[in-house]
C-alpha cells in the first residue's frame, strides 16, 4: 500500500523505548512511530490500544494533516498495511464507530487498495 510511506527507522527501538517515545507530547513525533507500532500490535496490547485511541480521538478526526487525510486516518492506514489479520478485524469494529461521513471519505481514500477496501467496504 502506498497511501502513506512513513519513515520507519524507529523499528530498531525496543517495545519499551517505542512506548516511551509514543508518550512524547509532540503528536507529530508520535506519528512517526505508528508504522512500527502497527507491525507489533498483534503481540503488544498497549501499542494496539494506543493506535485505536488515536483512531477514535475526536480532535484527530477533525484535524487534516495533508489534503483530505485526517490525523486519525494515519494509524488506521498503517494498521491496514502492517498489522496481522486479527488486529485488522478489530480495526474494522473500531472504524464502524466513526461518523458515517468519515467512513465514506476514508473508504473513498483507500478504494484504490483493493485488499484493504474489501476488508472494510461494509463498515457503513
PDB file of N, CA and C in Angstrom:
ATOM      1  N   UNK A   1       0.854  -1.168   0.000  1.00  0.00           N
ATOM      2  CA  UNK A   1       0.000   0.000   0.000  1.00  0.00           C
ATOM      3  C   UNK A   1       0.896   1.225   0.000  1.00  0.00           C
ATOM      4  N   UNK A   2       0.676   2.125  -0.905  1.00  0.00           N
ATOM      5  CA  UNK A   2       1.484   3.324  -0.993  1.00  0.00           C
ATOM      6  C   UNK A   2       0.709   4.573  -0.608  1.00  0.00           C
ATOM      7  N   UNK A   3      -0.347   4.406   0.178  1.00  0.00           N
ATOM      8  CA  UNK A   3      -1.132   5.559   0.593  1.00  0.00           C
ATOM      9  C   UNK A   3      -0.326   6.464   1.508  1.00  0.00           C
ATOM     10  N   UNK A   4       0.510   5.869   2.328  1.00  0.00           N
ATOM     11  CA  UNK A   4       1.439   6.600   3.187  1.00  0.00           C
ATOM     12  C   UNK A   4       2.744   5.829   3.184  1.00  0.00           C
ATOM     13  N   UNK A   5       3.845   6.532   3.131  1.00  0.00           N
ATOM     14  CA  UNK A   5       5.137   5.872   3.156  1.00  0.00           C
ATOM     15  C   UNK A   5       5.977   6.484   4.261  1.00  0.00           C
ATOM     16  N   UNK A   6       5.710   6.090   5.517  1.00  0.00           N
ATOM     17  CA  UNK A   6       6.389   6.734   6.642  1.00  0.00           C
ATOM     18  C   UNK A   6       7.839   6.291   6.776  1.00  0.00           C
ATOM     19  N   UNK A   7       8.592   7.102   7.465  1.00  0.00           N
ATOM     20  CA  UNK A   7       9.955   6.736   7.817  1.00  0.00           C
ATOM     21  C   UNK A   7       9.857   5.776   8.996  1.00  0.00           C
ATOM     22  N   UNK A   8      10.192   4.507   8.766  1.00  0.00           N
ATOM     23  CA  UNK A   8      10.064   3.545   9.851  1.00  0.00           C
ATOM     24  C   UNK A   8      11.428   3.197  10.452  1.00  0.00           C
ATOM     25  N   UNK A   9      12.329   4.150  10.496  1.00  0.00           N
ATOM     26  CA  UNK A   9      13.637   3.945  11.096  1.00  0.00           C
ATOM     27  C   UNK A   9      13.574   3.655  12.582  1.00  0.00           C
ATOM     28  N   UNK A  10      12.418   3.831  13.163  1.00  0.00           N
ATOM     29  CA  UNK A  10      12.257   3.573  14.585  1.00  0.00           C
ATOM     30  C   UNK A  10      12.073   2.093  14.878  1.00  0.00           C
ATOM     31  N   UNK A  11      12.159   1.238  13.861  1.00  0.00           N
ATOM     32  CA  UNK A  11      11.936  -0.191  14.081  1.00  0.00           C
ATOM     33  C   UNK A  11      13.036  -0.847  14.911  1.00  0.00           C
ATOM     34  N   UNK A  12      14.122  -0.129  15.167  1.00  0.00           N
ATOM     35  CA  UNK A  12      15.198  -0.676  15.992  1.00  0.00           C
ATOM     36  C   UNK A  12      14.946  -0.456  17.484  1.00  0.00           C
ATOM     37  N   UNK A  13      13.935   0.346  17.820  1.00  0.00           N
ATOM     38  CA  UNK A  13      13.621   0.588  19.229  1.00  0.00           C
ATOM     39  C   UNK A  13      12.985  -0.649  19.858  1.00  0.00           C
ATOM     40  N   UNK A  14      13.297  -0.869  21.120  1.00  0.00           N
ATOM     41  CA  UNK A  14      12.625  -1.949  21.848  1.00  0.00           C
ATOM     42  C   UNK A  14      11.173  -1.531  22.070  1.00  0.00           C
ATOM     43  N   UNK A  15      10.338  -2.487  22.468  1.00  0.00           N
ATOM     44  CA  UNK A  15       8.941  -2.169  22.758  1.00  0.00           C
ATOM     45  C   UNK A  15       8.840  -1.090  23.831  1.00  0.00           C
ATOM     46  N   UNK A  16       9.659  -1.221  24.867  1.00  0.00           N
ATOM     47  CA  UNK A  16       9.642  -0.244  25.955  1.00  0.00           C
ATOM     48  C   UNK A  16      10.048   1.140  25.462  1.00  0.00           C
ATOM     49  N   UNK A  17      11.121   1.220  24.681  1.00  0.00           N
ATOM     50  CA  UNK A  17      11.575   2.506  24.145  1.00  0.00           C
ATOM     51  C   UNK A  17      10.525   3.114  23.215  1.00  0.00           C
ATOM     52  N   UNK A  18       9.899   2.267  22.427  1.00  0.00           N
ATOM     53  CA  UNK A  18       8.875   2.730  21.499  1.00  0.00           C
ATOM     54  C   UNK A  18       7.699   3.361  22.248  1.00  0.00           C
ATOM     55  N   UNK A  19       7.258   2.704  23.306  1.00  0.00           N
ATOM     56  CA  UNK A  19       6.149   3.250  24.087  1.00  0.00           C
ATOM     57  C   UNK A  19       6.552   4.525  24.824  1.00  0.00           C
ATOM     58  N   UNK A  20       7.801   4.618  25.259  1.00  0.00           N
ATOM     59  CA  UNK A  20       8.282   5.854  25.889  1.00  0.00           C
ATOM     60  C   UNK A  20       8.257   6.995  24.873  1.00  0.00           C
ATOM     61  N   UNK A  21       8.712   6.715  23.664  1.00  0.00           N
ATOM     62  CA  UNK A  21       8.693   7.729  22.612  1.00  0.00           C
ATOM     63  C   UNK A  21       7.259   8.112  22.244  1.00  0.00           C
ATOM     64  N   UNK A  22       6.363   7.146  22.277  1.00  0.00           N
ATOM     65  CA  UNK A  22       4.961   7.399  21.940  1.00  0.00           C
ATOM     66  C   UNK A  22       4.348   8.436  22.883  1.00  0.00           C
ATOM     67  N   UNK A  23       4.766   8.455  24.113  1.00  0.00           N
ATOM     68  CA  UNK A  23       4.201   9.382  25.094  1.00  0.00           C
ATOM     69  C   UNK A  23       4.815  10.780  25.018  1.00  0.00           C
ATOM     70  N   UNK A  24       5.619  11.033  24.008  1.00  0.00           N
ATOM     71  CA  UNK A  24       6.172  12.370  23.790  1.00  0.00           C
ATOM     72  C   UNK A  24       5.018  13.342  23.530  1.00  0.00           C
ATOM     73  N   UNK A  25       5.068  14.548  24.094  1.00  0.00           N
ATOM     74  CA  UNK A  25       3.935  15.473  23.944  1.00  0.00           C
ATOM     75  C   UNK A  25       3.697  15.960  22.505  1.00  0.00           C
ATOM     76  N   UNK A  26       4.687  15.874  21.633  1.00  0.00           N
ATOM     77  CA  UNK A  26       4.506  16.324  20.250  1.00  0.00           C
ATOM     78  C   UNK A  26       3.814  15.227  19.443  1.00  0.00           C
ATOM     79  N   UNK A  27       2.564  15.456  19.078  1.00  0.00           N
ATOM     80  CA  UNK A  27       1.789  14.419  18.385  1.00  0.00           C
ATOM     81  C   UNK A  27       2.365  14.079  17.024  1.00  0.00           C
ATOM     82  N   UNK A  28       3.048  15.023  16.377  1.00  0.00           N
ATOM     83  CA  UNK A  28       3.628  14.727  15.077  1.00  0.00           C
ATOM     84  C   UNK A  28       4.832  13.795  15.221  1.00  0.00           C
ATOM     85  N   UNK A  29       5.552  13.917  16.319  1.00  0.00           N
ATOM     86  CA  UNK A  29       6.651  12.991  16.586  1.00  0.00           C
ATOM     87  C   UNK A  29       6.094  11.586  16.826  1.00  0.00           C
ATOM     88  N   UNK A  30       4.964  11.496  17.512  1.00  0.00           N
ATOM     89  CA  UNK A  30       4.322  10.193  17.751  1.00  0.00           C
ATOM     90  C   UNK A  30       3.928   9.521  16.445  1.00  0.00           C
ATOM     91  N   UNK A  31       3.460  10.315  15.492  1.00  0.00           N
ATOM     92  CA  UNK A  31       3.015   9.728  14.227  1.00  0.00           C
ATOM     93  C   UNK A  31       4.132   8.973  13.514  1.00  0.00           C
ATOM     94  N   UNK A  32       5.373   9.372  13.731  1.00  0.00           N
ATOM     95  CA  UNK A  32       6.498   8.662  13.119  1.00  0.00           C
ATOM     96  C   UNK A  32       6.637   7.241  13.652  1.00  0.00           C
ATOM     97  N   UNK A  33       6.003   6.946  14.774  1.00  0.00           N
ATOM     98  CA  UNK A  33       6.104   5.630  15.409  1.00  0.00           C
ATOM     99  C   UNK A  33       4.988   4.684  14.985  1.00  0.00           C
ATOM    100  N   UNK A  34       3.942   5.200  14.378  1.00  0.00           N
ATOM    101  CA  UNK A  34       2.746   4.403  14.114  1.00  0.00           C
ATOM    102  C   UNK A  34       3.004   3.154  13.278  1.00  0.00           C
ATOM    103  N   UNK A  35       3.854   3.232  12.278  1.00  0.00           N
ATOM    104  CA  UNK A  35       4.086   2.068  11.411  1.00  0.00           C
ATOM    105  C   UNK A  35       4.705   0.917  12.200  1.00  0.00           C
ATOM    106  N   UNK A  36       5.681   1.225  13.012  1.00  0.00           N
ATOM    107  CA  UNK A  36       6.325   0.182  13.816  1.00  0.00           C
ATOM    108  C   UNK A  36       5.351  -0.346  14.861  1.00  0.00           C
ATOM    109  N   UNK A  37       4.599   0.550  15.473  1.00  0.00           N
ATOM    110  CA  UNK A  37       3.611   0.118  16.460  1.00  0.00           C
ATOM    111  C   UNK A  37       2.568  -0.790  15.807  1.00  0.00           C
ATOM    112  N   UNK A  38       2.159  -0.452  14.594  1.00  0.00           N
ATOM    113  CA  UNK A  38       1.174  -1.276  13.884  1.00  0.00           C
ATOM    114  C   UNK A  38       1.725  -2.673  13.602  1.00  0.00           C
ATOM    115  N   UNK A  39       2.990  -2.752  13.247  1.00  0.00           N
ATOM    116  CA  UNK A  39       3.574  -4.065  12.956  1.00  0.00           C
ATOM    117  C   UNK A  39       3.731  -4.915  14.213  1.00  0.00           C
ATOM    118  N   UNK A  40       3.782  -4.275  15.379  1.00  0.00           N
ATOM    119  CA  UNK A  40       3.926  -5.000  16.643  1.00  0.00           C
ATOM    120  C   UNK A  40       2.608  -5.132  17.417  1.00  0.00           C
ATOM    121  N   UNK A  41       1.547  -4.585  16.903  1.00  0.00           N
ATOM    122  CA  UNK A  41       0.283  -4.501  17.637  1.00  0.00           C
ATOM    123  C   UNK A  41      -0.280  -5.868  18.025  1.00  0.00           C
ATOM    124  N   UNK A  42      -0.054  -6.870  17.209  1.00  0.00           N
ATOM    125  CA  UNK A  42      -0.588  -8.212  17.499  1.00  0.00           C
ATOM    126  C   UNK A  42      -0.017  -8.773  18.799  1.00  0.00           C
ATOM    127  N   UNK A  43       1.250  -8.481  19.052  1.00  0.00           N
ATOM    128  CA  UNK A  43       1.936  -9.031  20.220  1.00  0.00           C
ATOM    129  C   UNK A  43       2.050  -8.053  21.381  1.00  0.00           C
ATOM    130  N   UNK A  44       1.567  -6.830  21.193  1.00  0.00           N
ATOM    131  CA  UNK A  44       1.745  -5.809  22.215  1.00  0.00           C
ATOM    132  C   UNK A  44       0.433  -5.035  22.382  1.00  0.00           C
ATOM    133  N   UNK A  45      -0.344  -5.426  23.354  1.00  0.00           N
ATOM    134  CA  UNK A  45      -1.681  -4.858  23.579  1.00  0.00           C
ATOM    135  C   UNK A  45      -1.641  -3.342  23.781  1.00  0.00           C
ATOM    136  N   UNK A  46      -0.649  -2.844  24.500  1.00  0.00           N
ATOM    137  CA  UNK A  46      -0.580  -1.403  24.758  1.00  0.00           C
ATOM    138  C   UNK A  46      -0.396  -0.616  23.459  1.00  0.00           C
ATOM    139  N   UNK A  47       0.392  -1.140  22.546  1.00  0.00           N
ATOM    140  CA  UNK A  47       0.586  -0.456  21.266  1.00  0.00           C
ATOM    141  C   UNK A  47      -0.705  -0.468  20.457  1.00  0.00           C
ATOM    142  N   UNK A  48      -1.368  -1.608  20.439  1.00  0.00           N
ATOM    143  CA  UNK A  48      -2.630  -1.709  19.702  1.00  0.00           C
ATOM    144  C   UNK A  48      -3.656  -0.729  20.275  1.00  0.00           C
ATOM    145  N   UNK A  49      -3.784  -0.704  21.580  1.00  0.00           N
ATOM    146  CA  UNK A  49      -4.763   0.189  22.205  1.00  0.00           C
ATOM    147  C   UNK A  49      -4.401   1.656  21.985  1.00  0.00           C
ATOM    148  N   UNK A  50      -3.116   1.975  21.986  1.00  0.00           N
ATOM    149  CA  UNK A  50      -2.682   3.352  21.730  1.00  0.00           C
ATOM    150  C   UNK A  50      -3.093   3.781  20.319  1.00  0.00           C
ATOM    151  N   UNK A  51      -2.897   2.899  19.352  1.00  0.00           N
ATOM    152  CA  UNK A  51      -3.294   3.219  17.983  1.00  0.00           C
ATOM    153  C   UNK A  51      -4.807   3.342  17.860  1.00  0.00           C
ATOM    154  N   UNK A  52      -5.542   2.446  18.500  1.00  0.00           N
ATOM    155  CA  UNK A  52      -7.004   2.545  18.485  1.00  0.00           C
ATOM    156  C   UNK A  52      -7.460   3.854  19.123  1.00  0.00           C
ATOM    157  N   UNK A  53      -6.785   4.251  20.193  1.00  0.00           N
ATOM    158  CA  UNK A  53      -7.112   5.525  20.844  1.00  0.00           C
ATOM    159  C   UNK A  53      -6.921   6.685  19.869  1.00  0.00           C
ATOM    160  N   UNK A  54      -5.828   6.667  19.119  1.00  0.00           N
ATOM    161  CA  UNK A  54      -5.559   7.732  18.142  1.00  0.00           C
ATOM    162  C   UNK A  54      -6.634   7.747  17.058  1.00  0.00           C
ATOM    163  N   UNK A  55      -7.082   6.584  16.646  1.00  0.00           N
ATOM    164  CA  UNK A  55      -8.102   6.476  15.600  1.00  0.00           C
ATOM    165  C   UNK A  55      -9.430   7.048  16.073  1.00  0.00           C
ATOM    166  N   UNK A  56      -9.744   6.870  17.342  1.00  0.00           N
ATOM    167  CA  UNK A  56     -11.020   7.329  17.893  1.00  0.00           C
ATOM    168  C   UNK A  56     -10.978   8.738  18.472  1.00  0.00           C
ATOM    169  N   UNK A  57      -9.810   9.319  18.567  1.00  0.00           N
ATOM    170  CA  UNK A  57      -9.632  10.641  19.160  1.00  0.00           C
ATOM    171  C   UNK A  57     -10.425  11.690  18.375  1.00  0.00           C
ATOM    172  N   UNK A  58     -11.322  12.398  19.074  1.00  0.00           N
ATOM    173  CA  UNK A  58     -12.194  13.397  18.427  1.00  0.00           C
ATOM    174  C   UNK A  58     -11.389  14.490  17.712  1.00  0.00           C
ATOM    175  N   UNK A  59     -10.348  14.991  18.357  1.00  0.00           N
ATOM    176  CA  UNK A  59      -9.532  16.031  17.727  1.00  0.00           C
ATOM    177  C   UNK A  59      -8.850  15.510  16.469  1.00  0.00           C
ATOM    178  N   UNK A  60      -8.384  14.264  16.525  1.00  0.00           N
ATOM    179  CA  UNK A  60      -7.708  13.670  15.375  1.00  0.00           C
ATOM    180  C   UNK A  60      -8.675  13.442  14.213  1.00  0.00           C
ATOM    181  N   UNK A  61      -9.934  13.177  14.539  1.00  0.00           N
ATOM    182  CA  UNK A  61     -10.947  13.012  13.491  1.00  0.00           C
ATOM    183  C   UNK A  61     -11.240  14.321  12.771  1.00  0.00           C
ATOM    184  N   UNK A  62     -10.980  15.435  13.433  1.00  0.00           N
ATOM    185  CA  UNK A  62     -11.248  16.750  12.851  1.00  0.00           C
ATOM    186  C   UNK A  62     -10.032  17.380  12.179  1.00  0.00           C
ATOM    187  N   UNK A  63      -8.836  16.924  12.534  1.00  0.00           N
ATOM    188  CA  UNK A  63      -7.614  17.595  12.069  1.00  0.00           C
ATOM    189  C   UNK A  63      -7.100  17.015  10.751  1.00  0.00           C
ATOM    190  N   UNK A  64      -7.041  17.876   9.741  1.00  0.00           N
ATOM    191  CA  UNK A  64      -6.473  17.484   8.442  1.00  0.00           C
ATOM    192  C   UNK A  64      -4.946  17.617   8.516  1.00  0.00           C
ATOM    193  N   UNK A  65      -4.272  16.575   8.076  1.00  0.00           N
ATOM    194  CA  UNK A  65      -2.808  16.567   8.088  1.00  0.00           C
ATOM    195  C   UNK A  65      -2.258  17.014   6.735  1.00  0.00           C
ATOM    196  N   UNK A  66      -2.796  16.422   5.669  1.00  0.00           N
ATOM    197  CA  UNK A  66      -2.380  16.752   4.307  1.00  0.00           C
ATOM    198  C   UNK A  66      -3.570  16.516   3.387  1.00  0.00           C
ATOM    199  N   UNK A  67      -4.031  17.548   2.746  1.00  0.00           N
ATOM    200  CA  UNK A  67      -5.196  17.406   1.876  1.00  0.00           C
ATOM    201  C   UNK A  67      -6.384  16.885   2.660  1.00  0.00           C
ATOM    202  N   UNK A  68      -6.948  15.783   2.187  1.00  0.00           N
ATOM    203  CA  UNK A  68      -8.110  15.197   2.854  1.00  0.00           C
ATOM    204  C   UNK A  68      -7.738  14.225   3.972  1.00  0.00           C
ATOM    205  N   UNK A  69      -6.460  13.917   4.127  1.00  0.00           N
ATOM    206  CA  UNK A  69      -6.031  12.936   5.124  1.00  0.00           C
ATOM    207  C   UNK A  69      -6.150  13.540   6.513  1.00  0.00           C
ATOM    208  N   UNK A  70      -6.845  12.826   7.373  1.00  0.00           N
ATOM    209  CA  UNK A  70      -7.006  13.280   8.749  1.00  0.00           C
ATOM    210  C   UNK A  70      -6.032  12.535   9.655  1.00  0.00           C
ATOM    211  N   UNK A  71      -5.710  13.174  10.757  1.00  0.00           N
ATOM    212  CA  UNK A  71      -4.741  12.589  11.694  1.00  0.00           C
ATOM    213  C   UNK A  71      -5.179  11.206  12.173  1.00  0.00           C
ATOM    214  N   UNK A  72      -6.465  10.994  12.374  1.00  0.00           N
ATOM    215  CA  UNK A  72      -6.958   9.692  12.838  1.00  0.00           C
ATOM    216  C   UNK A  72      -6.839   8.608  11.768  1.00  0.00           C
ATOM    217  N   UNK A  73      -6.738   9.003  10.507  1.00  0.00           N
ATOM    218  CA  UNK A  73      -6.609   8.032   9.426  1.00  0.00           C
ATOM    219  C   UNK A  73      -5.228   7.388   9.397  1.00  0.00           C
ATOM    220  N   UNK A  74      -4.221   8.108   9.831  1.00  0.00           N
ATOM    221  CA  UNK A  74      -2.848   7.615   9.696  1.00  0.00           C
ATOM    222  C   UNK A  74      -2.644   6.297  10.440  1.00  0.00           C
ATOM    223  N   UNK A  75      -2.991   6.188  11.727  1.00  0.00           N
ATOM    224  CA  UNK A  75      -2.811   4.876  12.360  1.00  0.00           C
ATOM    225  C   UNK A  75      -3.715   3.805  11.750  1.00  0.00           C
ATOM    226  N   UNK A  76      -4.895   4.189  11.271  1.00  0.00           N
ATOM    227  CA  UNK A  76      -5.773   3.203  10.632  1.00  0.00           C
ATOM    228  C   UNK A  76      -5.140   2.655   9.358  1.00  0.00           C
ATOM    229  N   UNK A  77      -4.601   3.528   8.539  1.00  0.00           N
ATOM    230  CA  UNK A  77      -3.948   3.101   7.298  1.00  0.00           C
ATOM    231  C   UNK A  77      -2.733   2.229   7.600  1.00  0.00           C
ATOM    232  N   UNK A  78      -1.967   2.621   8.604  1.00  0.00           N
ATOM    233  CA  UNK A  78      -0.760   1.855   8.928  1.00  0.00           C
ATOM    234  C   UNK A  78      -1.095   0.508   9.560  1.00  0.00           C
ATOM    235  N   UNK A  79      -2.192   0.415  10.288  1.00  0.00           N
ATOM    236  CA  UNK A  79      -2.640  -0.897  10.772  1.00  0.00           C
ATOM    237  C   UNK A  79      -3.051  -1.774   9.590  1.00  0.00           C
ATOM    238  N   UNK A  80      -3.730  -1.201   8.614  1.00  0.00           N
ATOM    239  CA  UNK A  80      -4.095  -1.968   7.421  1.00  0.00           C
ATOM    240  C   UNK A  80      -2.852  -2.481   6.702  1.00  0.00           C
ATOM    241  N   UNK A  81      -1.836  -1.663   6.664  1.00  0.00           N
ATOM    242  CA  UNK A  81      -0.616  -2.017   5.941  1.00  0.00           C
ATOM    243  C   UNK A  81       0.271  -2.998   6.706  1.00  0.00           C
ATOM    244  N   UNK A  82       0.413  -2.807   8.016  1.00  0.00           N
ATOM    245  CA  UNK A  82       1.436  -3.538   8.762  1.00  0.00           C
ATOM    246  C   UNK A  82       0.927  -4.568   9.767  1.00  0.00           C
ATOM    247  N   UNK A  83      -0.324  -4.476  10.182  1.00  0.00           N
ATOM    248  CA  UNK A  83      -0.805  -5.351  11.259  1.00  0.00           C
ATOM    249  C   UNK A  83      -1.185  -6.732  10.738  1.00  0.00           C
ATOM    250  N   UNK A  84      -1.236  -7.674  11.657  1.00  0.00           N
ATOM    251  CA  UNK A  84      -1.691  -9.018  11.325  1.00  0.00           C
ATOM    252  C   UNK A  84      -3.213  -9.029  11.241  1.00  0.00           C
ATOM    253  N   UNK A  85      -3.756 -10.046  10.576  1.00  0.00           N
ATOM    254  CA  UNK A  85      -5.191 -10.108  10.298  1.00  0.00           C
ATOM    255  C   UNK A  85      -6.099  -9.959  11.524  1.00  0.00           C
ATOM    256  N   UNK A  86      -5.802 -10.581  12.663  1.00  0.00           N
ATOM    257  CA  UNK A  86      -6.706 -10.401  13.809  1.00  0.00           C
ATOM    258  C   UNK A  86      -6.831  -8.932  14.241  1.00  0.00           C
ATOM    259  N   UNK A  87      -5.755  -8.188  14.154  1.00  0.00           N
ATOM    260  CA  UNK A  87      -5.786  -6.772  14.520  1.00  0.00           C
ATOM    261  C   UNK A  87      -6.591  -5.990  13.483  1.00  0.00           C
ATOM    262  N   UNK A  88      -6.449  -6.361  12.220  1.00  0.00           N
ATOM    263  CA  UNK A  88      -7.226  -5.701  11.161  1.00  0.00           C
ATOM    264  C   UNK A  88      -8.721  -5.909  11.378  1.00  0.00           C
ATOM    265  N   UNK A  89      -9.096  -7.083  11.844  1.00  0.00           N
ATOM    266  CA  UNK A  89     -10.513  -7.332  12.128  1.00  0.00           C
ATOM    267  C   UNK A  89     -10.997  -6.468  13.297  1.00  0.00           C
ATOM    268  N   UNK A  90     -10.159  -6.298  14.301  1.00  0.00           N
ATOM    269  CA  UNK A  90     -10.514  -5.403  15.412  1.00  0.00           C
ATOM    270  C   UNK A  90     -10.642  -3.962  14.912  1.00  0.00           C
ATOM    271  N   UNK A  91      -9.747  -3.587  14.010  1.00  0.00           N
ATOM    272  CA  UNK A  91      -9.787  -2.250  13.430  1.00  0.00           C
ATOM    273  C   UNK A  91     -11.131  -2.002  12.751  1.00  0.00           C
ATOM    274  N   UNK A  92     -11.625  -2.999  12.056  1.00  0.00           N
ATOM    275  CA  UNK A  92     -12.929  -2.897  11.401  1.00  0.00           C
ATOM    276  C   UNK A  92     -14.009  -2.467  12.391  1.00  0.00           C
ATOM    277  N   UNK A  93     -14.016  -3.105  13.550  1.00  0.00           N
ATOM    278  CA  UNK A  93     -15.006  -2.768  14.582  1.00  0.00           C
ATOM    279  C   UNK A  93     -14.816  -1.340  15.082  1.00  0.00           C
ATOM    280  N   UNK A  94     -13.589  -0.931  15.233  1.00  0.00           N
ATOM    281  CA  UNK A  94     -13.281   0.426  15.692  1.00  0.00           C
ATOM    282  C   UNK A  94     -13.791   1.441  14.661  1.00  0.00           C
ATOM    283  N   UNK A  95     -13.523   1.189  13.394  1.00  0.00           N
ATOM    284  CA  UNK A  95     -13.916   2.138  12.350  1.00  0.00           C
ATOM    285  C   UNK A  95     -15.432   2.231  12.196  1.00  0.00           C
ATOM    286  N   UNK A  96     -16.134   1.204  12.562  1.00  0.00           N
ATOM    287  CA  UNK A  96     -17.603   1.247  12.489  1.00  0.00           C
ATOM    288  C   UNK A  96     -18.186   2.314  13.414  1.00  0.00           C
ATOM    289  N   UNK A  97     -17.426   2.738  14.412  1.00  0.00           N
ATOM    290  CA  UNK A  97     -17.929   3.743  15.353  1.00  0.00           C
ATOM    291  C   UNK A  97     -17.752   5.169  14.827  1.00  0.00           C
ATOM    292  N   UNK A  98     -16.996   5.341  13.745  1.00  0.00           N
ATOM    293  CA  UNK A  98     -16.820   6.672  13.165  1.00  0.00           C
ATOM    294  C   UNK A  98     -18.143   7.191  12.616  1.00  0.00           C
ATOM    295  N   UNK A  99     -18.295   8.497  12.533  1.00  0.00           N
ATOM    296  CA  UNK A  99     -19.486   9.065  11.879  1.00  0.00           C
ATOM    297  C   UNK A  99     -19.569   8.590  10.418  1.00  0.00           C
ATOM    298  N   UNK A 100     -20.773   8.483   9.901  1.00  0.00           N
ATOM    299  CA  UNK A 100     -20.987   7.967   8.541  1.00  0.00           C
ATOM    300  C   UNK A 100     -20.152   8.703   7.497  1.00  0.00           C
ATOM    301  N   UNK A 101     -20.151  10.029   7.549  1.00  0.00           N
ATOM    302  CA  UNK A 101     -19.394  10.804   6.569  1.00  0.00           C
ATOM    303  C   UNK A 101     -17.906  10.507   6.611  1.00  0.00           C
ATOM    304  N   UNK A 102     -17.398  10.293   7.802  1.00  0.00           N
ATOM    305  CA  UNK A 102     -15.973   9.973   7.966  1.00  0.00           C
ATOM    306  C   UNK A 102     -15.659   8.624   7.324  1.00  0.00           C
ATOM    307  N   UNK A 103     -16.523   7.654   7.555  1.00  0.00           N
ATOM    308  CA  UNK A 103     -16.324   6.326   6.967  1.00  0.00           C
ATOM    309  C   UNK A 103     -16.360   6.402   5.444  1.00  0.00           C
ATOM    310  N   UNK A 104     -17.294   7.161   4.907  1.00  0.00           N
ATOM    311  CA  UNK A 104     -17.405   7.301   3.449  1.00  0.00           C
ATOM    312  C   UNK A 104     -16.126   7.899   2.875  1.00  0.00           C
ATOM    313  N   UNK A 105     -15.641   8.985   3.479  1.00  0.00           N
ATOM    314  CA  UNK A 105     -14.420   9.646   2.984  1.00  0.00           C
ATOM    315  C   UNK A 105     -13.204   8.727   3.099  1.00  0.00           C
ATOM    316  N   UNK A 106     -13.105   8.010   4.210  1.00  0.00           N
ATOM    317  CA  UNK A 106     -11.976   7.096   4.404  1.00  0.00           C
ATOM    318  C   UNK A 106     -12.009   5.975   3.364  1.00  0.00           C
ATOM    319  N   UNK A 107     -13.169   5.390   3.163  1.00  0.00           N
ATOM    320  CA  UNK A 107     -13.292   4.321   2.166  1.00  0.00           C
ATOM    321  C   UNK A 107     -12.974   4.836   0.769  1.00  0.00           C
ATOM    322  N   UNK A 108     -13.391   6.025   0.465  1.00  0.00           N
ATOM    323  CA  UNK A 108     -13.075   6.609  -0.843  1.00  0.00           C
ATOM    324  C   UNK A 108     -11.563   6.764  -0.992  1.00  0.00           C
ATOM    325  N   UNK A 109     -10.906   7.152   0.095  1.00  0.00           N
ATOM    326  CA  UNK A 109      -9.451   7.337   0.060  1.00  0.00           C
ATOM    327  C   UNK A 109      -8.719   6.014  -0.167  1.00  0.00           C
ATOM    328  N   UNK A 110      -9.173   4.930   0.463  1.00  0.00           N
ATOM    329  CA  UNK A 110      -8.456   3.654   0.340  1.00  0.00           C
ATOM    330  C   UNK A 110      -8.979   2.789  -0.800  1.00  0.00           C
ATOM    331  N   UNK A 111      -9.957   3.271  -1.549  1.00  0.00           N
ATOM    332  CA  UNK A 111     -10.591   2.492  -2.615  1.00  0.00           C
ATOM    333  C   UNK A 111      -9.575   1.887  -3.598  1.00  0.00           C
ATOM    334  N   UNK A 112      -8.499   2.574  -3.869  1.00  0.00           N
ATOM    335  CA  UNK A 112      -7.521   2.076  -4.844  1.00  0.00           C
ATOM    336  C   UNK A 112      -6.719   0.878  -4.330  1.00  0.00           C
ATOM    337  N   UNK A 113      -6.773   0.622  -3.050  1.00  0.00           N
ATOM    338  CA  UNK A 113      -6.082  -0.523  -2.450  1.00  0.00           C
ATOM    339  C   UNK A 113      -7.107  -1.619  -2.203  1.00  0.00           C
ATOM    340  N   UNK A 114      -7.306  -2.469  -3.193  1.00  0.00           N
ATOM    341  CA  UNK A 114      -8.400  -3.448  -3.187  1.00  0.00           C
ATOM    342  C   UNK A 114      -8.421  -4.322  -1.932  1.00  0.00           C
ATOM    343  N   UNK A 115      -7.267  -4.790  -1.480  1.00  0.00           N
ATOM    344  CA  UNK A 115      -7.217  -5.674  -0.307  1.00  0.00           C
ATOM    345  C   UNK A 115      -7.834  -4.996   0.916  1.00  0.00           C
ATOM    346  N   UNK A 116      -7.494  -3.748   1.121  1.00  0.00           N
ATOM    347  CA  UNK A 116      -7.962  -3.033   2.303  1.00  0.00           C
ATOM    348  C   UNK A 116      -9.406  -2.568   2.131  1.00  0.00           C
ATOM    349  N   UNK A 117      -9.730  -2.134   0.938  1.00  0.00           N
ATOM    350  CA  UNK A 117     -11.110  -1.730   0.674  1.00  0.00           C
ATOM    351  C   UNK A 117     -12.062  -2.912   0.875  1.00  0.00           C
ATOM    352  N   UNK A 118     -11.679  -4.083   0.378  1.00  0.00           N
ATOM    353  CA  UNK A 118     -12.530  -5.274   0.529  1.00  0.00           C
ATOM    354  C   UNK A 118     -12.715  -5.655   1.997  1.00  0.00           C
ATOM    355  N   UNK A 119     -11.721  -5.429   2.800  1.00  0.00           N
ATOM    356  CA  UNK A 119     -11.815  -5.724   4.227  1.00  0.00           C
ATOM    357  C   UNK A 119     -12.801  -4.790   4.930  1.00  0.00           C
ATOM    358  N   UNK A 120     -12.899  -3.554   4.448  1.00  0.00           N
ATOM    359  CA  UNK A 120     -13.644  -2.523   5.172  1.00  0.00           C
ATOM    360  C   UNK A 120     -14.905  -2.016   4.481  1.00  0.00           C
ATOM    361  N   UNK A 121     -15.162  -2.432   3.247  1.00  0.00           N
ATOM    362  CA  UNK A 121     -16.249  -1.823   2.494  1.00  0.00           C
ATOM    363  C   UNK A 121     -17.594  -1.850   3.220  1.00  0.00           C
ATOM    364  N   UNK A 122     -17.790  -2.816   4.096  1.00  0.00           N
ATOM    365  CA  UNK A 122     -19.091  -2.947   4.764  1.00  0.00           C
ATOM    366  C   UNK A 122     -19.146  -2.291   6.147  1.00  0.00           C
ATOM    367  N   UNK A 123     -18.231  -1.378   6.435  1.00  0.00           N
ATOM    368  CA  UNK A 123     -18.283  -0.688   7.732  1.00  0.00           C
ATOM    369  C   UNK A 123     -19.373   0.367   7.766  1.00  0.00           C
ATOM    370  N   UNK A 124     -19.940   0.672   6.616  1.00  0.00           N
ATOM    371  CA  UNK A 124     -21.003   1.696   6.550  1.00  0.00           C
ATOM    372  C   UNK A 124     -22.302   1.176   7.121  1.00  0.00           C
TER     373      UNK A 124
END
